[in-house]
Every structure is written in structure tokens, then in C-alpha cells.
Amino acid sequence: MGSFRLAVCAGLLLGAVAAAESGAQGFPARQVRYLMPLPAGSETDLFARVLAKQLSDGWGQQVVVENRPGGGTTIATEIAAKAPPDGHSFLHAISSFGINATLYSRLPYDTLKDFSCITQIGNLYGALLAHTSFPVKNLAELIRLAKSRPGEIAYATGGSGTSNHIAVEALRAVAGINIVHVPYKGTSLAMLDVLPGRVPLLGTVLVEAMPYIQSGKLKVIATTSPKRAPSLPNVPTIRETIPAYQAGTGFWALVTRAGAPAASLNKLNADIVKSLQAPDVKARLAAADIEIVGSRPEQCDAFLRDQVGVWGAIVKASSARVD
């Protein structure tokens, strides 16, 4: 009888393993939605399309990048939270994903309960930039000018609740200056007013700003990240000028609705992490100063939980609120 029970248990275990492997091999079974919370044409969007092609070629299934900008990225995030829990829809989560949990008093989803993380793509660097005609060269000069002209200087970002918005609000609070936030539905739309000089300042991540820095259309006042950006080694961070400034890490991650089968989640992770090492994908990340991470799902889940706490403290210190 003991041998029979052992044989039955072994058979069940082998069956479960076979079913899991079969599920992984059969995924994806149809077209995949890659939800992008930013407008088409942004550098983040262009990266997503390169990655989507890599995945499409490997899977033999079309991966469609679907742009749903607005709401400080909450519009796309809500769609992802309500998608079927089968892994066939995933969201390109940027730093706002971790910020919005405390920035908004109410959200139509639960940041930590409604999602499973596929992988953290990488870490990003943020920066505060200015139009070339703006009469400051560094952060100290900006603070002096802002104090002499309270409420007169505006800064643009790609939306309320983005890491760039919170980073500049944290600067505003710790430096005691009054500069005005002008949010847009993505950095590419903010550029339409920043490049002609209608709005003098811009808070964004380097991946979105690098083409304009390299062409000389924008100048960098300071970086908002905890450490200097590799591509801008001579540009100080805000913290170097103001030690009390709290800085968070910008990030890209891919998340899907919680409840996706483990086999599908693991296949998504393995194939996406592999794709991050493809020459064209890797080159685009390197050019944008993005440090590739490529973590496991459980590592990424832990990272996102940590980011909700880190950015929550910065939101509280900056007194920023979106309701």
C-alpha cells in the first residue's frame, strides 16, 4: 500500500511538472498587449517597440504596443489591473507606478495587490534641464533667481505624479523656492513648449532628454538621482548642492495582472530578460544611461514594495498631492 501511494504521488508530481512545462511552451497563445503609459514617439515608447519586436520574433505572436497616456500613468495602469490574469497583457511601469500609491488618496487599483512583477528592466537617471536662453548655469543660480521671482518661473514635466514631478517638488520644498508645475501627457508633449522657450525648465529622465542635450537645445542644471549620471560625469546632483535633498531611483519594470499562471510568468521573465541582452535593445539602453537589471519576478516584487516606501517618504517631504 505504501508503494502504491508513493507511485500515485510521484505520478501526480510528474503530471504537475508536465502541465507547467506544457503551459510555458504554449505561451503566448495569442496576441500580446504591451501597455505604454506614455505617448507614442517618446524615447520610452521607442524602446518598447524595439523590445516588442524582439519578443514578437521569438514568440511567433504579435506584441502590440498600446499607448494610453494621461492621469500620471494611472490610465494605462488601471487597464492593466483589469486585464485577464493570463499574462497576455503587461504594463511598462515607470517610477510613477511606485509613487502613485501615496501621491493619490484614491486609485482604481491596488499597486501591490493587483500586479505581479515580471522583471525590473533597469534604473534611470533624472535631470532638471533648462532652455539655453534661461539665465542660469547651475542649481545655486537657479535658486537665487527663483527666490527673486517667486511664482514666476515654471517647470514642465511629463505629468503629475511622475518621478520628475516629485523630484522637482522635493527640490522646491527643501530649497524654499516657489516655482510653478506645468504637467503634460508625456515628455514629448512638454518638449513642444520647452524647446521654443515658452516654459523655461523641464524635469525628466535622461532617456527622454539625451537627444536635446546632445544637440545643444537644452542644458542640464543638475541631476536628480542619488549619484551622477555616467554620461554627464561633470554635472553635479542636487544633493551635492543641498545635502538635505531626498532622491529616489527612477526605474522601468514590466508588470502584469496578479494571478497569471506561474508558468506564463516565468516564461515572460526568461524571454524578456534574454531580450534585454539583444544587441539593439542593449545599445538603446546604454545610450540612454539605463543600467540593465533583468531581475526575477520575486526580486522585482520586493523591489517595487521597497520603492512604494522610498517614494512615499519623498512625496510626504515634498507635500505633493494629486487628487
C-alpha atoms as a PDB file:
ATOM      1  CA  MET A   1       0.000   0.000   0.000  1.00  0.00           C
ATOM      2  CA  GLY A   2       2.858   2.366   0.847  1.00  0.00           C
ATOM      3  CA  SER A   3       4.488   1.730  -2.520  1.00  0.00           C
ATOM      4  CA  PHE A   4       1.162   2.353  -4.280  1.00  0.00           C
ATOM      5  CA  ARG A   5       0.707   5.687  -2.523  1.00  0.00           C
ATOM      6  CA  LEU A   6       4.266   6.663  -3.369  1.00  0.00           C
ATOM      7  CA  ALA A   7       3.690   5.801  -7.003  1.00  0.00           C
ATOM      8  CA  VAL A   8       0.475   7.830  -7.066  1.00  0.00           C
ATOM      9  CA  CYS A   9       2.186  10.873  -5.503  1.00  0.00           C
ATOM     10  CA  ALA A  10       5.079  10.578  -7.932  1.00  0.00           C
ATOM     11  CA  GLY A  11       2.648  10.374 -10.830  1.00  0.00           C
ATOM     12  CA  LEU A  12       0.778  13.464  -9.663  1.00  0.00           C
ATOM     13  CA  LEU A  13       4.028  15.374  -9.250  1.00  0.00           C
ATOM     14  CA  LEU A  14       5.240  14.422 -12.709  1.00  0.00           C
ATOM     15  CA  GLY A  15       1.863  15.361 -14.123  1.00  0.00           C
ATOM     16  CA  ALA A  16       2.006  18.793 -12.482  1.00  0.00           C
ATOM     17  CA  VAL A  17       5.517  19.374 -13.821  1.00  0.00           C
ATOM     18  CA  ALA A  18       4.453  18.285 -17.307  1.00  0.00           C
ATOM     19  CA  ALA A  19       1.404  20.551 -17.178  1.00  0.00           C
ATOM     20  CA  ALA A  20       3.525  23.504 -16.092  1.00  0.00           C
ATOM     21  CA  GLU A  21       6.045  22.869 -18.864  1.00  0.00           C
ATOM     22  CA  SER A  22       3.234  22.491 -21.390  1.00  0.00           C
ATOM     23  CA  GLY A  23       1.698  25.777 -20.220  1.00  0.00           C
ATOM     24  CA  ALA A  24       5.018  27.561 -20.538  1.00  0.00           C
ATOM     25  CA  GLN A  25       5.639  26.128 -24.023  1.00  0.00           C
ATOM     26  CA  GLY A  26       2.158  27.173 -25.159  1.00  0.00           C
ATOM     27  CA  PHE A  27       2.542  30.772 -24.005  1.00  0.00           C
ATOM     28  CA  PRO A  28       1.727  33.165 -25.523  1.00  0.00           C
ATOM     29  CA  ALA A  29      -1.285  31.620 -27.209  1.00  0.00           C
ATOM     30  CA  ARG A  30      -2.413  34.840 -28.918  1.00  0.00           C
ATOM     31  CA  GLN A  31      -1.509  38.487 -29.496  1.00  0.00           C
ATOM     32  CA  VAL A  32       0.098  40.232 -26.506  1.00  0.00           C
ATOM     33  CA  ARG A  33      -0.712  43.786 -25.326  1.00  0.00           C
ATOM     34  CA  TYR A  34       2.234  45.915 -24.212  1.00  0.00           C
ATOM     35  CA  LEU A  35       0.580  48.812 -22.373  1.00  0.00           C
ATOM     36  CA  MET A  36       2.567  52.054 -22.516  1.00  0.00           C
ATOM     37  CA  PRO A  37       1.556  54.871 -20.113  1.00  0.00           C
ATOM     38  CA  LEU A  38       3.358  57.493 -22.249  1.00  0.00           C
ATOM     39  CA  PRO A  39       2.635  58.980 -25.695  1.00  0.00           C
ATOM     40  CA  ALA A  40       3.840  57.461 -28.945  1.00  0.00           C
ATOM     41  CA  GLY A  41       7.170  58.874 -30.042  1.00  0.00           C
ATOM     42  CA  SER A  42       8.686  59.226 -26.577  1.00  0.00           C
ATOM     43  CA  GLU A  43      12.077  57.580 -26.035  1.00  0.00           C
ATOM     44  CA  THR A  44      10.433  55.128 -23.624  1.00  0.00           C
ATOM     45  CA  ASP A  45       7.878  54.246 -26.301  1.00  0.00           C
ATOM     46  CA  LEU A  46      10.614  53.765 -28.914  1.00  0.00           C
ATOM     47  CA  PHE A  47      12.441  51.396 -26.584  1.00  0.00           C
ATOM     48  CA  ALA A  48       9.214  49.446 -26.011  1.00  0.00           C
ATOM     49  CA  ARG A  49       8.789  48.971 -29.747  1.00  0.00           C
ATOM     50  CA  VAL A  50      12.319  47.587 -30.094  1.00  0.00           C
ATOM     51  CA  LEU A  51      11.665  45.164 -27.227  1.00  0.00           C
ATOM     52  CA  ALA A  52       8.225  44.248 -28.616  1.00  0.00           C
ATOM     53  CA  LYS A  53       9.794  43.282 -31.954  1.00  0.00           C
ATOM     54  CA  GLN A  54      12.336  41.073 -30.212  1.00  0.00           C
ATOM     55  CA  LEU A  55       9.560  39.290 -28.347  1.00  0.00           C
ATOM     56  CA  SER A  56       7.311  39.028 -31.422  1.00  0.00           C
ATOM     57  CA  ASP A  57      10.101  37.410 -33.431  1.00  0.00           C
ATOM     58  CA  GLY A  58      10.842  34.942 -30.635  1.00  0.00           C
ATOM     59  CA  TRP A  59       7.246  34.009 -29.855  1.00  0.00           C
ATOM     60  CA  GLY A  60       5.741  33.997 -33.320  1.00  0.00           C
ATOM     61  CA  GLN A  61       2.930  36.105 -31.841  1.00  0.00           C
ATOM     62  CA  GLN A  62       2.444  39.811 -32.374  1.00  0.00           C
ATOM     63  CA  VAL A  63       3.285  42.049 -29.408  1.00  0.00           C
ATOM     64  CA  VAL A  64       1.352  45.310 -29.834  1.00  0.00           C
ATOM     65  CA  VAL A  65       2.478  48.460 -28.025  1.00  0.00           C
ATOM     66  CA  GLU A  66      -0.691  50.263 -26.945  1.00  0.00           C
ATOM     67  CA  ASN A  67      -0.219  53.887 -25.854  1.00  0.00           C
ATOM     68  CA  ARG A  68      -2.564  55.000 -23.059  1.00  0.00           C
ATOM     69  CA  PRO A  69      -1.015  58.225 -21.694  1.00  0.00           C
ATOM     70  CA  GLY A  70      -2.515  60.509 -19.060  1.00  0.00           C
ATOM     71  CA  GLY A  71      -3.594  60.512 -15.453  1.00  0.00           C
ATOM     72  CA  GLY A  72       0.004  60.444 -14.250  1.00  0.00           C
ATOM     73  CA  THR A  73       0.216  56.923 -15.793  1.00  0.00           C
ATOM     74  CA  THR A  74      -2.883  55.745 -13.871  1.00  0.00           C
ATOM     75  CA  ILE A  75      -4.966  55.297 -17.046  1.00  0.00           C
ATOM     76  CA  ALA A  76      -2.719  52.603 -18.517  1.00  0.00           C
ATOM     77  CA  THR A  77      -2.168  51.090 -15.080  1.00  0.00           C
ATOM     78  CA  GLU A  78      -5.899  50.699 -14.471  1.00  0.00           C
ATOM     79  CA  ILE A  79      -6.302  48.965 -17.834  1.00  0.00           C
ATOM     80  CA  ALA A  80      -3.514  46.541 -16.900  1.00  0.00           C
ATOM     81  CA  ALA A  81      -5.112  45.918 -13.491  1.00  0.00           C
ATOM     82  CA  LYS A  82      -8.399  44.935 -15.157  1.00  0.00           C
ATOM     83  CA  ALA A  83      -6.925  42.779 -17.926  1.00  0.00           C
ATOM     84  CA  PRO A  84      -7.429  38.998 -17.793  1.00  0.00           C
ATOM     85  CA  PRO A  85      -4.918  37.427 -15.378  1.00  0.00           C
ATOM     86  CA  ASP A  86      -3.231  35.302 -18.028  1.00  0.00           C
ATOM     87  CA  GLY A  87      -0.031  37.217 -18.807  1.00  0.00           C
ATOM     88  CA  HIS A  88      -1.145  38.290 -22.274  1.00  0.00           C
ATOM     89  CA  SER A  89      -1.240  41.952 -21.192  1.00  0.00           C
ATOM     90  CA  PHE A  90       1.588  43.683 -19.417  1.00  0.00           C
ATOM     91  CA  LEU A  91       2.417  47.247 -18.428  1.00  0.00           C
ATOM     92  CA  HIS A  92       5.620  49.233 -18.838  1.00  0.00           C
ATOM     93  CA  ALA A  93       5.749  50.554 -15.279  1.00  0.00           C
ATOM     94  CA  ILE A  94       7.838  53.662 -14.715  1.00  0.00           C
ATOM     95  CA  SER A  95       8.672  55.274 -11.369  1.00  0.00           C
ATOM     96  CA  SER A  96       5.146  56.735 -11.136  1.00  0.00           C
ATOM     97  CA  PHE A  97       3.920  53.201 -10.528  1.00  0.00           C
ATOM     98  CA  GLY A  98       5.579  53.280  -7.101  1.00  0.00           C
ATOM     99  CA  ILE A  99       4.877  56.966  -6.464  1.00  0.00           C
ATOM    100  CA  ASN A 100       1.138  56.998  -7.129  1.00  0.00           C
ATOM    101  CA  ALA A 101       0.398  54.650  -4.239  1.00  0.00           C
ATOM    102  CA  THR A 102       0.957  57.553  -1.830  1.00  0.00           C
ATOM    103  CA  LEU A 103       0.557  60.561  -4.128  1.00  0.00           C
ATOM    104  CA  TYR A 104      -3.142  59.841  -4.759  1.00  0.00           C
ATOM    105  CA  SER A 105      -5.647  59.487  -1.947  1.00  0.00           C
ATOM    106  CA  ARG A 106      -7.600  57.028  -4.114  1.00  0.00           C
ATOM    107  CA  LEU A 107      -6.606  54.810  -7.009  1.00  0.00           C
ATOM    108  CA  PRO A 108      -8.806  52.449  -9.076  1.00  0.00           C
ATOM    109  CA  TYR A 109      -6.363  49.625  -8.333  1.00  0.00           C
ATOM    110  CA  ASP A 110      -4.063  48.396  -5.573  1.00  0.00           C
ATOM    111  CA  THR A 111      -0.441  48.916  -6.566  1.00  0.00           C
ATOM    112  CA  LEU A 112       0.918  45.963  -4.604  1.00  0.00           C
ATOM    113  CA  LYS A 113      -2.004  43.509  -4.630  1.00  0.00           C
ATOM    114  CA  ASP A 114      -3.272  43.788  -8.208  1.00  0.00           C
ATOM    115  CA  PHE A 115       0.017  43.170 -10.014  1.00  0.00           C
ATOM    116  CA  SER A 116       2.778  40.614 -10.356  1.00  0.00           C
ATOM    117  CA  CYS A 117       6.134  41.926 -11.471  1.00  0.00           C
ATOM    118  CA  ILE A 118       7.713  40.251 -14.485  1.00  0.00           C
ATOM    119  CA  THR A 119      11.102  41.941 -14.243  1.00  0.00           C
ATOM    120  CA  GLN A 120      12.793  45.217 -13.459  1.00  0.00           C
ATOM    121  CA  ILE A 121      14.251  46.383 -16.756  1.00  0.00           C
ATOM    122  CA  GLY A 122      16.672  48.882 -15.268  1.00  0.00           C
ATOM    123  CA  ASN A 123      17.484  52.038 -13.307  1.00  0.00           C
ATOM    124  CA  LEU A 124      17.198  55.527 -14.803  1.00  0.00           C
ATOM    125  CA  TYR A 125      18.743  58.926 -14.099  1.00  0.00           C
ATOM    126  CA  GLY A 126      16.651  62.057 -13.720  1.00  0.00           C
ATOM    127  CA  ALA A 127      17.629  65.630 -14.526  1.00  0.00           C
ATOM    128  CA  LEU A 128      16.453  69.220 -14.269  1.00  0.00           C
ATOM    129  CA  LEU A 129      17.072  70.988 -17.562  1.00  0.00           C
ATOM    130  CA  ALA A 130      16.633  74.486 -18.942  1.00  0.00           C
ATOM    131  CA  HIS A 131      16.196  76.175 -22.283  1.00  0.00           C
ATOM    132  CA  THR A 132      19.524  77.574 -23.487  1.00  0.00           C
ATOM    133  CA  SER A 133      18.219  81.157 -23.158  1.00  0.00           C
ATOM    134  CA  PHE A 134      17.356  80.729 -19.472  1.00  0.00           C
ATOM    135  CA  PRO A 135      19.869  82.838 -17.474  1.00  0.00           C
ATOM    136  CA  VAL A 136      21.212  80.215 -15.053  1.00  0.00           C
ATOM    137  CA  LYS A 137      24.090  77.753 -15.340  1.00  0.00           C
ATOM    138  CA  ASN A 138      23.726  75.711 -12.186  1.00  0.00           C
ATOM    139  CA  LEU A 139      21.430  74.928  -9.283  1.00  0.00           C
ATOM    140  CA  ALA A 140      22.722  77.678  -6.972  1.00  0.00           C
ATOM    141  CA  GLU A 141      21.989  80.309  -9.647  1.00  0.00           C
ATOM    142  CA  LEU A 142      18.514  78.851 -10.219  1.00  0.00           C
ATOM    143  CA  ILE A 143      17.683  79.035  -6.513  1.00  0.00           C
ATOM    144  CA  ARG A 144      18.812  82.669  -6.319  1.00  0.00           C
ATOM    145  CA  LEU A 145      16.763  83.623  -9.379  1.00  0.00           C
ATOM    146  CA  ALA A 146      13.686  81.728  -8.169  1.00  0.00           C
ATOM    147  CA  LYS A 147      13.832  83.479  -4.783  1.00  0.00           C
ATOM    148  CA  SER A 148      13.958  86.855  -6.521  1.00  0.00           C
ATOM    149  CA  ARG A 149      10.990  85.941  -8.751  1.00  0.00           C
ATOM    150  CA  PRO A 150       8.614  83.820  -6.614  1.00  0.00           C
ATOM    151  CA  GLY A 151       5.820  82.170  -8.607  1.00  0.00           C
ATOM    152  CA  GLU A 152       7.116  83.484 -11.929  1.00  0.00           C
ATOM    153  CA  ILE A 153       9.265  80.568 -13.121  1.00  0.00           C
ATOM    154  CA  ALA A 154       7.579  77.442 -14.492  1.00  0.00           C
ATOM    155  CA  TYR A 155       8.840  73.922 -14.971  1.00  0.00           C
ATOM    156  CA  ALA A 156       7.330  71.264 -17.210  1.00  0.00           C
ATOM    157  CA  THR A 157       7.127  67.514 -16.664  1.00  0.00           C
ATOM    158  CA  GLY A 158       5.562  64.588 -18.456  1.00  0.00           C
ATOM    159  CA  GLY A 159       2.707  64.553 -15.950  1.00  0.00           C
ATOM    160  CA  SER A 160       1.597  64.923 -12.362  1.00  0.00           C
ATOM    161  CA  GLY A 161       2.851  62.095 -10.197  1.00  0.00           C
ATOM    162  CA  THR A 162       5.835  61.222 -12.357  1.00  0.00           C
ATOM    163  CA  SER A 163       9.198  60.796 -10.658  1.00  0.00           C
ATOM    164  CA  ASN A 164      10.268  64.019 -12.365  1.00  0.00           C
ATOM    165  CA  HIS A 165       7.362  65.950 -10.830  1.00  0.00           C
ATOM    166  CA  ILE A 166       8.091  64.619  -7.342  1.00  0.00           C
ATOM    167  CA  ALA A 167      11.846  65.166  -7.706  1.00  0.00           C
ATOM    168  CA  VAL A 168      11.384  68.851  -8.588  1.00  0.00           C
ATOM    169  CA  GLU A 169       8.715  69.333  -5.907  1.00  0.00           C
ATOM    170  CA  ALA A 170      11.157  67.897  -3.383  1.00  0.00           C
ATOM    171  CA  LEU A 171      13.712  70.454  -4.585  1.00  0.00           C
ATOM    172  CA  ARG A 172      11.146  73.253  -4.332  1.00  0.00           C
ATOM    173  CA  ALA A 173      10.367  72.278  -0.743  1.00  0.00           C
ATOM    174  CA  VAL A 174      13.928  71.822   0.510  1.00  0.00           C
ATOM    175  CA  ALA A 175      15.281  74.923  -1.278  1.00  0.00           C
ATOM    176  CA  GLY A 176      12.347  77.115  -0.192  1.00  0.00           C
ATOM    177  CA  ILE A 177      11.550  78.320  -3.705  1.00  0.00           C
ATOM    178  CA  ASN A 178       8.231  78.892  -5.443  1.00  0.00           C
ATOM    179  CA  ILE A 179       8.332  77.527  -8.991  1.00  0.00           C
ATOM    180  CA  VAL A 180       5.172  76.500 -10.843  1.00  0.00           C
ATOM    181  CA  HIS A 181       4.479  72.999 -12.162  1.00  0.00           C
ATOM    182  CA  VAL A 182       3.082  72.631 -15.698  1.00  0.00           C
ATOM    183  CA  PRO A 183       2.162  68.964 -16.323  1.00  0.00           C
ATOM    184  CA  TYR A 184       1.819  67.402 -19.792  1.00  0.00           C
ATOM    185  CA  LYS A 185       0.731  63.986 -21.017  1.00  0.00           C
ATOM    186  CA  GLY A 186       4.306  62.865 -21.580  1.00  0.00           C
ATOM    187  CA  THR A 187       7.694  64.498 -22.001  1.00  0.00           C
ATOM    188  CA  SER A 188       7.393  64.547 -25.799  1.00  0.00           C
ATOM    189  CA  LEU A 189       4.406  66.895 -25.451  1.00  0.00           C
ATOM    190  CA  ALA A 190       6.178  69.011 -22.824  1.00  0.00           C
ATOM    191  CA  MET A 191       9.024  69.481 -25.287  1.00  0.00           C
ATOM    192  CA  LEU A 192       6.674  71.370 -27.611  1.00  0.00           C
ATOM    193  CA  ASP A 193       6.680  74.240 -25.099  1.00  0.00           C
ATOM    194  CA  VAL A 194      10.145  73.791 -23.603  1.00  0.00           C
ATOM    195  CA  LEU A 195      12.151  73.759 -26.852  1.00  0.00           C
ATOM    196  CA  PRO A 196      10.796  77.148 -28.024  1.00  0.00           C
ATOM    197  CA  GLY A 197      11.414  78.538 -24.515  1.00  0.00           C
ATOM    198  CA  ARG A 198       7.764  79.111 -23.599  1.00  0.00           C
ATOM    199  CA  VAL A 199       8.387  77.048 -20.439  1.00  0.00           C
ATOM    200  CA  PRO A 200      11.997  77.529 -19.287  1.00  0.00           C
ATOM    201  CA  LEU A 201      12.572  74.423 -17.148  1.00  0.00           C
ATOM    202  CA  LEU A 202      11.997  70.715 -17.631  1.00  0.00           C
ATOM    203  CA  GLY A 203      12.131  67.820 -15.187  1.00  0.00           C
ATOM    204  CA  THR A 204      12.579  64.485 -16.933  1.00  0.00           C
ATOM    205  CA  VAL A 205      14.701  61.359 -17.193  1.00  0.00           C
ATOM    206  CA  LEU A 206      17.822  61.362 -19.343  1.00  0.00           C
ATOM    207  CA  VAL A 207      16.404  58.727 -21.665  1.00  0.00           C
ATOM    208  CA  GLU A 208      13.874  61.345 -22.832  1.00  0.00           C
ATOM    209  CA  ALA A 209      16.238  64.334 -22.792  1.00  0.00           C
ATOM    210  CA  MET A 210      19.532  62.999 -24.169  1.00  0.00           C
ATOM    211  CA  PRO A 211      18.877  63.870 -27.846  1.00  0.00           C
ATOM    212  CA  TYR A 212      18.196  67.517 -26.888  1.00  0.00           C
ATOM    213  CA  ILE A 213      21.224  67.700 -24.588  1.00  0.00           C
ATOM    214  CA  GLN A 214      23.496  66.307 -27.281  1.00  0.00           C
ATOM    215  CA  SER A 215      22.125  68.716 -29.908  1.00  0.00           C
ATOM    216  CA  GLY A 216      22.636  71.698 -27.570  1.00  0.00           C
ATOM    217  CA  LYS A 217      18.950  72.595 -27.429  1.00  0.00           C
ATOM    218  CA  LEU A 218      18.739  72.093 -23.657  1.00  0.00           C
ATOM    219  CA  LYS A 219      21.258  72.494 -20.841  1.00  0.00           C
ATOM    220  CA  VAL A 220      21.418  70.422 -17.659  1.00  0.00           C
ATOM    221  CA  ILE A 221      21.138  72.334 -14.375  1.00  0.00           C
ATOM    222  CA  ALA A 222      21.534  69.289 -12.111  1.00  0.00           C
ATOM    223  CA  THR A 223      20.709  65.602 -11.956  1.00  0.00           C
ATOM    224  CA  THR A 224      18.014  64.476  -9.531  1.00  0.00           C
ATOM    225  CA  SER A 225      19.248  60.923  -8.958  1.00  0.00           C
ATOM    226  CA  PRO A 226      21.290  59.807  -5.923  1.00  0.00           C
ATOM    227  CA  LYS A 227      24.507  59.648  -7.976  1.00  0.00           C
ATOM    228  CA  ARG A 228      25.939  61.354 -11.050  1.00  0.00           C
ATOM    229  CA  ALA A 229      24.899  60.008 -14.431  1.00  0.00           C
ATOM    230  CA  PRO A 230      27.643  58.141 -16.340  1.00  0.00           C
ATOM    231  CA  SER A 231      27.040  60.210 -19.473  1.00  0.00           C
ATOM    232  CA  LEU A 232      27.190  63.505 -17.514  1.00  0.00           C
ATOM    233  CA  PRO A 233      30.081  62.973 -15.082  1.00  0.00           C
ATOM    234  CA  ASN A 234      30.693  66.720 -14.710  1.00  0.00           C
ATOM    235  CA  VAL A 235      27.098  67.588 -13.798  1.00  0.00           C
ATOM    236  CA  PRO A 236      26.509  67.611 -10.003  1.00  0.00           C
ATOM    237  CA  THR A 237      23.469  66.035  -8.401  1.00  0.00           C
ATOM    238  CA  ILE A 238      21.010  68.209  -6.481  1.00  0.00           C
ATOM    239  CA  ARG A 239      22.127  66.515  -3.278  1.00  0.00           C
ATOM    240  CA  GLU A 240      25.696  67.746  -3.791  1.00  0.00           C
ATOM    241  CA  THR A 241      24.385  71.314  -3.562  1.00  0.00           C
ATOM    242  CA  ILE A 242      21.654  70.625  -0.993  1.00  0.00           C
ATOM    243  CA  PRO A 243      22.589  67.638   1.244  1.00  0.00           C
ATOM    244  CA  ALA A 244      19.082  67.532   2.771  1.00  0.00           C
ATOM    245  CA  TYR A 245      17.537  66.750  -0.618  1.00  0.00           C
ATOM    246  CA  GLN A 246      15.971  63.296  -0.814  1.00  0.00           C
ATOM    247  CA  ALA A 247      16.442  61.493  -4.099  1.00  0.00           C
ATOM    248  CA  GLY A 248      14.699  58.395  -5.377  1.00  0.00           C
ATOM    249  CA  THR A 249      15.753  55.926  -8.064  1.00  0.00           C
ATOM    250  CA  GLY A 250      13.965  56.105 -11.371  1.00  0.00           C
ATOM    251  CA  PHE A 251      13.116  52.718 -12.843  1.00  0.00           C
ATOM    252  CA  TRP A 252      11.481  50.776 -15.645  1.00  0.00           C
ATOM    253  CA  ALA A 253       9.734  47.489 -14.899  1.00  0.00           C
ATOM    254  CA  LEU A 254       7.210  45.235 -16.591  1.00  0.00           C
ATOM    255  CA  VAL A 255       4.196  44.098 -14.579  1.00  0.00           C
ATOM    256  CA  THR A 256       1.136  42.026 -15.354  1.00  0.00           C
ATOM    257  CA  ARG A 257      -2.127  41.440 -13.517  1.00  0.00           C
ATOM    258  CA  ALA A 258      -1.779  39.319 -10.392  1.00  0.00           C
ATOM    259  CA  GLY A 259      -2.974  35.744 -10.781  1.00  0.00           C
ATOM    260  CA  ALA A 260      -1.171  34.958 -14.024  1.00  0.00           C
ATOM    261  CA  PRO A 261      -0.099  31.293 -14.126  1.00  0.00           C
ATOM    262  CA  ALA A 262       3.383  30.767 -12.726  1.00  0.00           C
ATOM    263  CA  ALA A 263       4.489  29.022 -15.931  1.00  0.00           C
ATOM    264  CA  SER A 264       3.440  32.014 -18.048  1.00  0.00           C
ATOM    265  CA  LEU A 265       5.041  34.499 -15.641  1.00  0.00           C
ATOM    266  CA  ASN A 266       8.311  32.567 -15.629  1.00  0.00           C
ATOM    267  CA  LYS A 267       8.358  32.334 -19.422  1.00  0.00           C
ATOM    268  CA  LEU A 268       7.684  36.061 -19.713  1.00  0.00           C
ATOM    269  CA  ASN A 269      10.558  36.707 -17.336  1.00  0.00           C
ATOM    270  CA  ALA A 270      13.011  34.402 -19.091  1.00  0.00           C
ATOM    271  CA  ASP A 271      12.233  35.650 -22.587  1.00  0.00           C
ATOM    272  CA  ILE A 272      12.203  39.338 -21.667  1.00  0.00           C
ATOM    273  CA  VAL A 273      15.445  39.138 -19.680  1.00  0.00           C
ATOM    274  CA  LYS A 274      17.033  37.359 -22.649  1.00  0.00           C
ATOM    275  CA  SER A 275      15.736  40.079 -24.989  1.00  0.00           C
ATOM    276  CA  LEU A 276      17.340  42.799 -22.849  1.00  0.00           C
ATOM    277  CA  GLN A 277      20.703  41.381 -23.938  1.00  0.00           C
ATOM    278  CA  ALA A 278      19.879  41.563 -27.659  1.00  0.00           C
ATOM    279  CA  PRO A 279      22.353  43.966 -29.340  1.00  0.00           C
ATOM    280  CA  ASP A 280      19.784  46.554 -30.494  1.00  0.00           C
ATOM    281  CA  VAL A 281      17.918  46.554 -27.165  1.00  0.00           C
ATOM    282  CA  LYS A 282      21.123  46.690 -25.119  1.00  0.00           C
ATOM    283  CA  ALA A 283      22.535  49.503 -27.263  1.00  0.00           C
ATOM    284  CA  ARG A 284      19.407  51.637 -26.825  1.00  0.00           C
ATOM    285  CA  LEU A 285      19.520  51.168 -23.051  1.00  0.00           C
ATOM    286  CA  ALA A 286      23.225  52.014 -22.862  1.00  0.00           C
ATOM    287  CA  ALA A 287      22.785  55.164 -24.972  1.00  0.00           C
ATOM    288  CA  ALA A 288      20.132  56.367 -22.526  1.00  0.00           C
ATOM    289  CA  ASP A 289      22.233  55.769 -19.387  1.00  0.00           C
ATOM    290  CA  ILE A 290      19.930  52.977 -18.220  1.00  0.00           C
ATOM    291  CA  GLU A 291      21.539  50.334 -16.026  1.00  0.00           C
ATOM    292  CA  ILE A 292      20.125  46.948 -17.023  1.00  0.00           C
ATOM    293  CA  VAL A 293      18.809  44.861 -14.117  1.00  0.00           C
ATOM    294  CA  GLY A 294      16.755  41.956 -15.520  1.00  0.00           C
ATOM    295  CA  SER A 295      15.574  40.599 -12.157  1.00  0.00           C
ATOM    296  CA  ARG A 296      13.480  37.543 -11.307  1.00  0.00           C
ATOM    297  CA  PRO A 297       9.748  38.081 -10.594  1.00  0.00           C
ATOM    298  CA  GLU A 298      10.131  37.660  -6.814  1.00  0.00           C
ATOM    299  CA  GLN A 299      13.103  40.065  -6.758  1.00  0.00           C
ATOM    300  CA  CYS A 300      11.129  42.600  -8.768  1.00  0.00           C
ATOM    301  CA  ASP A 301       8.100  42.309  -6.475  1.00  0.00           C
ATOM    302  CA  ALA A 302      10.347  43.035  -3.482  1.00  0.00           C
ATOM    303  CA  PHE A 303      11.917  45.990  -5.307  1.00  0.00           C
ATOM    304  CA  LEU A 304       8.513  47.523  -6.077  1.00  0.00           C
ATOM    305  CA  ARG A 305       7.380  47.145  -2.461  1.00  0.00           C
ATOM    306  CA  ASP A 306      10.549  48.950  -1.417  1.00  0.00           C
ATOM    307  CA  GLN A 307      10.009  51.721  -3.977  1.00  0.00           C
ATOM    308  CA  VAL A 308       6.498  52.425  -2.696  1.00  0.00           C
ATOM    309  CA  GLY A 309       8.052  53.131   0.707  1.00  0.00           C
ATOM    310  CA  VAL A 310      11.028  55.131  -0.609  1.00  0.00           C
ATOM    311  CA  TRP A 311       8.984  57.351  -2.906  1.00  0.00           C
ATOM    312  CA  GLY A 312       6.246  57.619  -0.279  1.00  0.00           C
ATOM    313  CA  ALA A 313       8.712  59.307   2.086  1.00  0.00           C
ATOM    314  CA  ILE A 314       9.756  61.725  -0.657  1.00  0.00           C
ATOM    315  CA  VAL A 315       6.127  62.514  -1.523  1.00  0.00           C
ATOM    316  CA  LYS A 316       5.439  63.260   2.141  1.00  0.00           C
ATOM    317  CA  ALA A 317       8.512  65.509   2.459  1.00  0.00           C
ATOM    318  CA  SER A 318       7.598  67.440  -0.691  1.00  0.00           C
ATOM    319  CA  SER A 319       3.926  67.864   0.348  1.00  0.00           C
ATOM    320  CA  ALA A 320       2.962  66.972  -3.244  1.00  0.00           C
ATOM    321  CA  ARG A 321      -0.592  65.760  -3.721  1.00  0.00           C
ATOM    322  CA  VAL A 322      -2.792  64.796  -6.652  1.00  0.00           C
ATOM    323  CA  ASP A 323      -6.490  64.143  -6.045  1.00  0.00           C
END
